[in-house]
Amino acid sequence: MLTDEEIRNAARDALIQASTTFRPDQLKAYQMALERETSPQGRWVLEQILKNAAVAREKRYPLCDDTGIPHVVLEIGEQVCMSGKAFQAVAEGIREGLRDLPGRPMAVRGEGLERLGQTLGMYDDPGMLEAAPFGLYWTFGDVLKITVLMLGGGPEIRGKTMRVFHRHRGENVIEEVGRWAAEAAAALGCTPCVPIIGIGRTQYEAAALQLAAALEGDFTRQSPWEAKITEMVNNTGVGPLGLGKSVTALGSFVKIGPARASGVRIVSLRLGCCFDPRRATVVLKDGGD
């Protein structure tokens, strides 16, 4: 049986790793971007991002000043045993991680309209920042996987969830969302960007699939429709930090879900920044009694 302490520590470690460490596929994507970028200014930006990532990993500093909102996904094996307080342990681990990192104090005081208007100010404690609602999946075996994604505010400003008419041609959907991403890239600022896309039947499902795309995405494995969206964004010539030229998008992540018999598909786009997706997974194995 997994203990609450093990679960708490795993959630804390996943948050800190996601916030401070580029994954191997991210490093590979930047190395490939350096090979493609023809602008000296653009190459300088990409080199600085890699240097920033090296310092962040070595010193356990946040990759970005906007340390992000924790999004937690739990994959629970069918043979895993946990106490009734396991989810509370995850929440405690997230709070510990935000304090240890430390996260940027972003939690707003008050309730309801007080929160919306930010009339009572902010908490000084980074641990007061609540995680988004947990995502839960079941899996086989005796493992519990705790994944934390840290999602910053800039991409949320540029995101979009809306219907797209497919007209009996899937390429129409991909081309439309590619146009969304291309238009938003110029306003994002922190390029190269990462278009992250979910396509489903409802707004809720599309947003959930968008998070799944961020959870599963790998820069070293790009589908033809992901490559198409990346190409459309790169053709804008916005370039790293908007300085122009070749690399405006590192890659794209697309998750296509079930479809219903209708003329529309619901598409949710998050235009990730140059550090996205900030993601890490800690795996716990249940050794039994």
Protein backbone atom coordinates (compact mmCIF):
# COMPACT_ATOMS: atom_id res chain seq x y z
CA MET A 1 0.00 0.00 0.00
CA LEU A 2 1.29 3.43 -0.91
CA THR A 3 1.64 5.77 2.05
CA ASP A 4 0.36 9.32 2.15
CA GLU A 5 3.94 10.50 2.69
CA GLU A 6 5.13 8.77 -0.49
CA ILE A 7 2.31 10.34 -2.47
CA ARG A 8 2.90 13.79 -0.98
CA ASN A 9 6.63 13.67 -1.74
CA ALA A 10 6.01 12.43 -5.29
CA ALA A 11 3.62 15.30 -6.03
CA ARG A 12 6.11 17.82 -4.62
CA ASP A 13 8.99 16.37 -6.65
CA ALA A 14 6.93 16.30 -9.87
CA LEU A 15 6.02 19.97 -9.46
CA ILE A 16 9.62 21.03 -8.88
CA GLN A 17 10.95 18.93 -11.77
CA ALA A 18 8.27 20.25 -14.16
CA SER A 19 9.10 23.82 -13.15
CA THR A 20 12.88 23.57 -13.42
CA THR A 21 13.82 20.94 -16.01
CA PHE A 22 13.60 20.58 -19.78
CA ARG A 23 12.73 17.05 -20.85
CA PRO A 24 14.98 15.28 -23.39
CA ASP A 25 12.51 15.87 -26.24
CA GLN A 26 12.48 19.62 -25.45
CA LEU A 27 16.27 19.79 -25.56
CA LYS A 28 16.23 17.90 -28.87
CA ALA A 29 13.61 20.29 -30.27
CA TYR A 30 15.78 23.29 -29.43
CA GLN A 31 18.87 21.69 -30.92
CA MET A 32 16.93 21.05 -34.13
CA ALA A 33 15.58 24.61 -34.03
CA LEU A 34 19.13 25.96 -33.86
CA GLU A 35 19.95 24.02 -37.01
CA ARG A 36 16.94 25.52 -38.83
CA GLU A 37 17.14 29.12 -37.61
CA THR A 38 18.91 31.39 -40.11
CA SER A 39 18.70 34.67 -38.20
CA PRO A 40 21.67 35.56 -35.91
CA GLN A 41 19.25 37.28 -33.52
CA GLY A 42 16.96 34.25 -33.54
CA ARG A 43 19.85 31.87 -32.91
CA TRP A 44 20.96 34.05 -30.00
CA VAL A 45 17.48 33.79 -28.45
CA LEU A 46 17.42 30.01 -28.79
CA GLU A 47 20.91 29.74 -27.28
CA GLN A 48 19.85 31.90 -24.31
CA ILE A 49 16.79 29.71 -23.69
CA LEU A 50 19.05 26.64 -23.59
CA LYS A 51 21.45 28.39 -21.21
CA ASN A 52 18.51 29.41 -19.04
CA ALA A 53 17.33 25.79 -18.96
CA ALA A 54 20.79 24.55 -17.94
CA VAL A 55 20.99 27.01 -15.04
CA ALA A 56 17.43 26.24 -13.95
CA ARG A 57 18.14 22.52 -13.84
CA GLU A 58 21.47 22.86 -12.02
CA LYS A 59 20.26 25.33 -9.38
CA ARG A 60 16.60 24.20 -9.28
CA TYR A 61 15.38 27.64 -10.33
CA PRO A 62 12.04 28.10 -12.12
CA LEU A 63 12.39 28.12 -15.90
CA CYS A 64 10.23 31.24 -16.06
CA ASP A 65 9.22 34.08 -13.74
CA ASP A 66 5.60 33.10 -14.43
CA THR A 67 5.88 29.86 -12.48
CA GLY A 68 2.42 28.78 -13.57
CA ILE A 69 -0.73 27.11 -12.28
CA PRO A 70 -0.32 23.44 -11.24
CA HIS A 71 -2.39 20.96 -13.25
CA VAL A 72 -2.21 17.46 -11.79
CA VAL A 73 -3.00 14.22 -13.61
CA LEU A 74 -3.13 10.92 -11.72
CA GLU A 75 -2.93 7.56 -13.48
CA ILE A 76 -3.97 4.91 -10.97
CA GLY A 77 -3.18 1.27 -11.54
CA GLU A 78 -5.89 -1.28 -10.91
CA GLN A 79 -3.75 -3.00 -8.25
CA VAL A 80 -2.82 0.16 -6.36
CA CYS A 81 -3.98 0.57 -2.78
CA MET A 82 -4.10 4.04 -1.21
CA SER A 83 -5.68 5.59 1.86
CA GLY A 84 -8.78 7.73 1.70
CA LYS A 85 -6.54 10.76 2.19
CA ALA A 86 -4.43 10.16 -0.93
CA PHE A 87 -5.87 13.13 -2.83
CA GLN A 88 -5.31 15.34 0.20
CA ALA A 89 -1.70 14.12 0.21
CA VAL A 90 -1.33 15.16 -3.43
CA ALA A 91 -2.70 18.62 -2.62
CA GLU A 92 -0.28 18.92 0.31
CA GLY A 93 2.60 17.89 -1.96
CA ILE A 94 1.64 20.58 -4.47
CA ARG A 95 1.63 23.21 -1.71
CA GLU A 96 5.05 22.04 -0.49
CA GLY A 97 6.43 22.15 -4.03
CA LEU A 98 5.18 25.69 -4.57
CA ARG A 99 6.86 26.79 -1.36
CA ASP A 100 10.10 24.95 -2.02
CA LEU A 101 10.43 26.09 -5.64
CA PRO A 102 9.36 28.82 -4.75
CA GLY A 103 6.41 29.62 -6.96
CA ARG A 104 5.43 33.20 -7.66
CA PRO A 105 2.77 34.35 -5.18
CA MET A 106 -0.31 34.54 -7.39
CA ALA A 107 -3.23 33.43 -5.20
CA VAL A 108 -5.95 36.07 -4.88
CA ARG A 109 -7.63 36.70 -1.53
CA GLY A 110 -11.37 36.66 -0.96
CA GLU A 111 -14.37 34.90 -2.48
CA GLY A 112 -16.54 35.37 -5.54
CA LEU A 113 -16.51 38.94 -6.83
CA GLU A 114 -13.68 39.81 -4.45
CA ARG A 115 -11.52 37.31 -6.28
CA LEU A 116 -12.70 38.43 -9.69
CA GLY A 117 -11.95 42.07 -8.91
CA GLN A 118 -8.79 41.29 -6.88
CA THR A 119 -10.03 43.87 -4.36
CA LEU A 120 -8.41 42.25 -1.30
CA GLY A 121 -4.97 41.79 -2.81
CA MET A 122 -2.78 38.72 -2.96
CA TYR A 123 -1.46 36.11 -0.54
CA ASP A 124 2.28 36.28 0.10
CA ASP A 125 2.47 32.50 0.51
CA PRO A 126 3.07 30.67 -2.84
CA GLY A 127 1.44 27.60 -1.29
CA MET A 128 -1.94 29.32 -1.26
CA LEU A 129 -2.15 28.89 -5.03
CA GLU A 130 -4.71 26.14 -5.61
CA ALA A 131 -4.11 23.52 -8.28
CA ALA A 132 -6.64 23.14 -11.06
CA PRO A 133 -9.08 20.22 -10.65
CA PHE A 134 -7.21 16.91 -10.80
CA GLY A 135 -7.40 14.71 -13.88
CA LEU A 136 -7.91 11.00 -13.13
CA TYR A 137 -7.17 8.02 -15.36
CA TRP A 138 -6.98 4.34 -14.60
CA THR A 139 -4.27 2.10 -15.91
CA PHE A 140 -3.04 -1.48 -15.54
CA GLY A 141 -0.67 -2.79 -12.91
CA ASP A 142 0.56 -1.65 -9.53
CA VAL A 143 1.82 1.85 -10.33
CA LEU A 144 0.60 5.32 -9.52
CA LYS A 145 1.80 8.00 -11.96
CA ILE A 146 1.63 11.60 -10.78
CA THR A 147 2.12 14.13 -13.56
CA VAL A 148 2.27 17.86 -12.95
CA LEU A 149 1.99 20.46 -15.71
CA MET A 150 2.73 24.09 -14.86
CA LEU A 151 0.66 26.33 -17.13
CA GLY A 152 1.56 30.03 -17.33
CA GLY A 153 -0.77 32.93 -18.02
CA GLY A 154 0.44 34.23 -21.38
CA PRO A 155 -0.74 31.21 -23.37
CA GLU A 156 -4.14 31.38 -21.68
CA ILE A 157 -4.59 34.93 -23.00
CA ARG A 158 -3.91 33.74 -26.56
CA GLY A 159 -5.96 30.52 -26.31
CA LYS A 160 -9.24 29.84 -28.05
CA THR A 161 -12.06 27.27 -27.86
CA MET A 162 -14.57 27.37 -30.69
CA ARG A 163 -16.49 25.33 -33.24
CA VAL A 164 -15.02 24.59 -36.66
CA PHE A 165 -17.10 23.39 -39.63
CA HIS A 166 -15.38 20.34 -41.09
CA ARG A 167 -17.31 20.21 -44.39
CA HIS A 168 -16.58 16.48 -44.59
CA ARG A 169 -12.86 17.12 -44.79
CA GLY A 170 -10.62 16.72 -41.75
CA GLU A 171 -7.97 18.95 -43.28
CA ASN A 172 -10.38 21.90 -42.99
CA VAL A 173 -10.28 21.59 -39.20
CA ILE A 174 -6.49 21.36 -39.08
CA GLU A 175 -6.05 24.30 -41.44
CA GLU A 176 -8.47 26.47 -39.45
CA VAL A 177 -6.73 25.83 -36.13
CA GLY A 178 -3.39 26.39 -37.87
CA ARG A 179 -4.65 29.85 -38.86
CA TRP A 180 -5.66 30.52 -35.24
CA ALA A 181 -2.19 29.57 -34.04
CA ALA A 182 -0.47 31.63 -36.75
CA GLU A 183 -2.50 34.73 -35.85
CA ALA A 184 -1.87 34.34 -32.11
CA ALA A 185 1.87 33.66 -32.44
CA ALA A 186 2.63 37.28 -33.35
CA ALA A 187 0.96 38.47 -30.14
CA LEU A 188 2.34 35.83 -27.77
CA GLY A 189 5.77 37.36 -27.30
CA CYS A 190 7.56 34.36 -25.79
CA THR A 191 8.16 32.43 -29.01
CA PRO A 192 9.05 29.85 -30.23
CA CYS A 193 5.58 28.67 -29.32
CA VAL A 194 3.95 25.25 -29.04
CA PRO A 195 0.38 24.98 -30.38
CA ILE A 196 -1.43 22.45 -28.15
CA ILE A 197 -4.82 21.36 -29.49
CA GLY A 198 -7.74 19.19 -28.45
CA ILE A 199 -10.57 18.32 -30.82
CA GLY A 200 -13.80 16.88 -29.41
CA ARG A 201 -17.58 17.02 -29.27
CA THR A 202 -18.10 19.57 -26.49
CA GLN A 203 -16.13 22.46 -25.07
CA TYR A 204 -15.35 20.45 -21.95
CA GLU A 205 -14.12 17.46 -23.96
CA ALA A 206 -12.05 19.62 -26.30
CA ALA A 207 -10.36 21.32 -23.33
CA ALA A 208 -9.73 17.95 -21.66
CA LEU A 209 -8.22 16.62 -24.89
CA GLN A 210 -6.04 19.72 -25.13
CA LEU A 211 -4.63 18.89 -21.68
CA ALA A 212 -4.16 15.27 -22.80
CA ALA A 213 -2.20 16.54 -25.83
CA ALA A 214 0.11 18.45 -23.49
CA LEU A 215 0.39 15.36 -21.30
CA GLU A 216 1.32 12.99 -24.12
CA GLY A 217 3.07 15.27 -26.59
CA ASP A 218 6.63 14.52 -27.74
CA PHE A 219 8.62 16.88 -29.97
CA THR A 220 10.51 13.96 -31.49
CA ARG A 221 7.28 12.29 -32.71
CA GLN A 222 5.17 14.60 -34.85
CA SER A 223 2.14 13.42 -36.81
CA PRO A 224 1.45 14.82 -40.31
CA TRP A 225 -1.28 17.14 -38.98
CA GLU A 226 0.98 18.34 -36.16
CA ALA A 227 3.73 19.04 -38.70
CA LYS A 228 1.19 20.93 -40.86
CA ILE A 229 0.23 23.28 -38.02
CA THR A 230 3.89 23.86 -37.13
CA GLU A 231 4.63 24.71 -40.77
CA MET A 232 1.75 27.21 -40.91
CA VAL A 233 3.00 28.98 -37.79
CA ASN A 234 6.61 29.00 -38.96
CA ASN A 235 5.54 30.49 -42.29
CA THR A 236 4.52 33.67 -40.44
CA GLY A 237 8.21 34.54 -39.97
CA VAL A 238 7.58 35.85 -36.44
CA GLY A 239 10.65 34.01 -35.17
CA PRO A 240 12.10 33.67 -31.65
CA LEU A 241 10.85 36.47 -29.36
CA GLY A 242 9.27 38.07 -32.43
CA LEU A 243 12.66 38.95 -33.95
CA GLY A 244 11.79 37.35 -37.29
CA LYS A 245 12.90 34.45 -39.48
CA SER A 246 12.56 30.69 -39.29
CA VAL A 247 11.50 29.20 -35.95
CA THR A 248 8.22 30.53 -34.62
CA ALA A 249 6.95 27.11 -33.42
CA LEU A 250 9.03 24.28 -31.97
CA GLY A 251 6.33 21.73 -32.77
CA SER A 252 2.63 21.07 -32.22
CA PHE A 253 0.65 18.60 -30.11
CA VAL A 254 -2.79 17.49 -31.30
CA LYS A 255 -5.23 15.09 -29.61
CA ILE A 256 -8.28 14.08 -31.66
CA GLY A 257 -11.10 12.55 -29.65
CA PRO A 258 -14.44 10.94 -30.54
CA ALA A 259 -16.70 12.68 -33.04
CA ARG A 260 -20.47 13.00 -33.29
CA ALA A 261 -22.53 13.15 -36.47
CA SER A 262 -22.68 16.90 -37.02
CA GLY A 263 -21.19 19.59 -39.18
CA VAL A 264 -18.93 20.97 -36.47
CA ARG A 265 -15.95 19.94 -34.39
CA ILE A 266 -15.11 21.75 -31.15
CA VAL A 267 -11.47 22.78 -31.06
CA SER A 268 -9.52 24.03 -28.04
CA LEU A 269 -6.16 25.71 -28.68
CA ARG A 270 -3.54 26.67 -26.13
CA LEU A 271 -0.60 28.46 -27.70
CA GLY A 272 2.16 27.29 -25.36
CA CYS A 273 5.19 29.48 -24.71
CA CYS A 274 8.86 28.69 -25.29
CA PHE A 275 9.05 26.64 -22.06
CA ASP A 276 5.94 24.55 -22.68
CA PRO A 277 4.86 22.07 -21.82
CA ARG A 278 6.45 22.27 -18.36
CA ARG A 279 5.68 18.70 -17.42
CA ALA A 280 7.12 15.97 -15.21
CA THR A 281 5.94 12.56 -14.00
CA VAL A 282 6.89 10.65 -10.86
CA VAL A 283 6.01 6.95 -10.79
CA LEU A 284 5.31 5.11 -7.53
CA LYS A 285 5.14 1.32 -7.37
CA ASP A 286 2.82 -0.30 -4.87
CA GLY A 287 4.77 -3.11 -3.26
CA GLY A 288 1.72 -4.52 -1.52
CA ASP A 289 1.39 -5.04 2.21
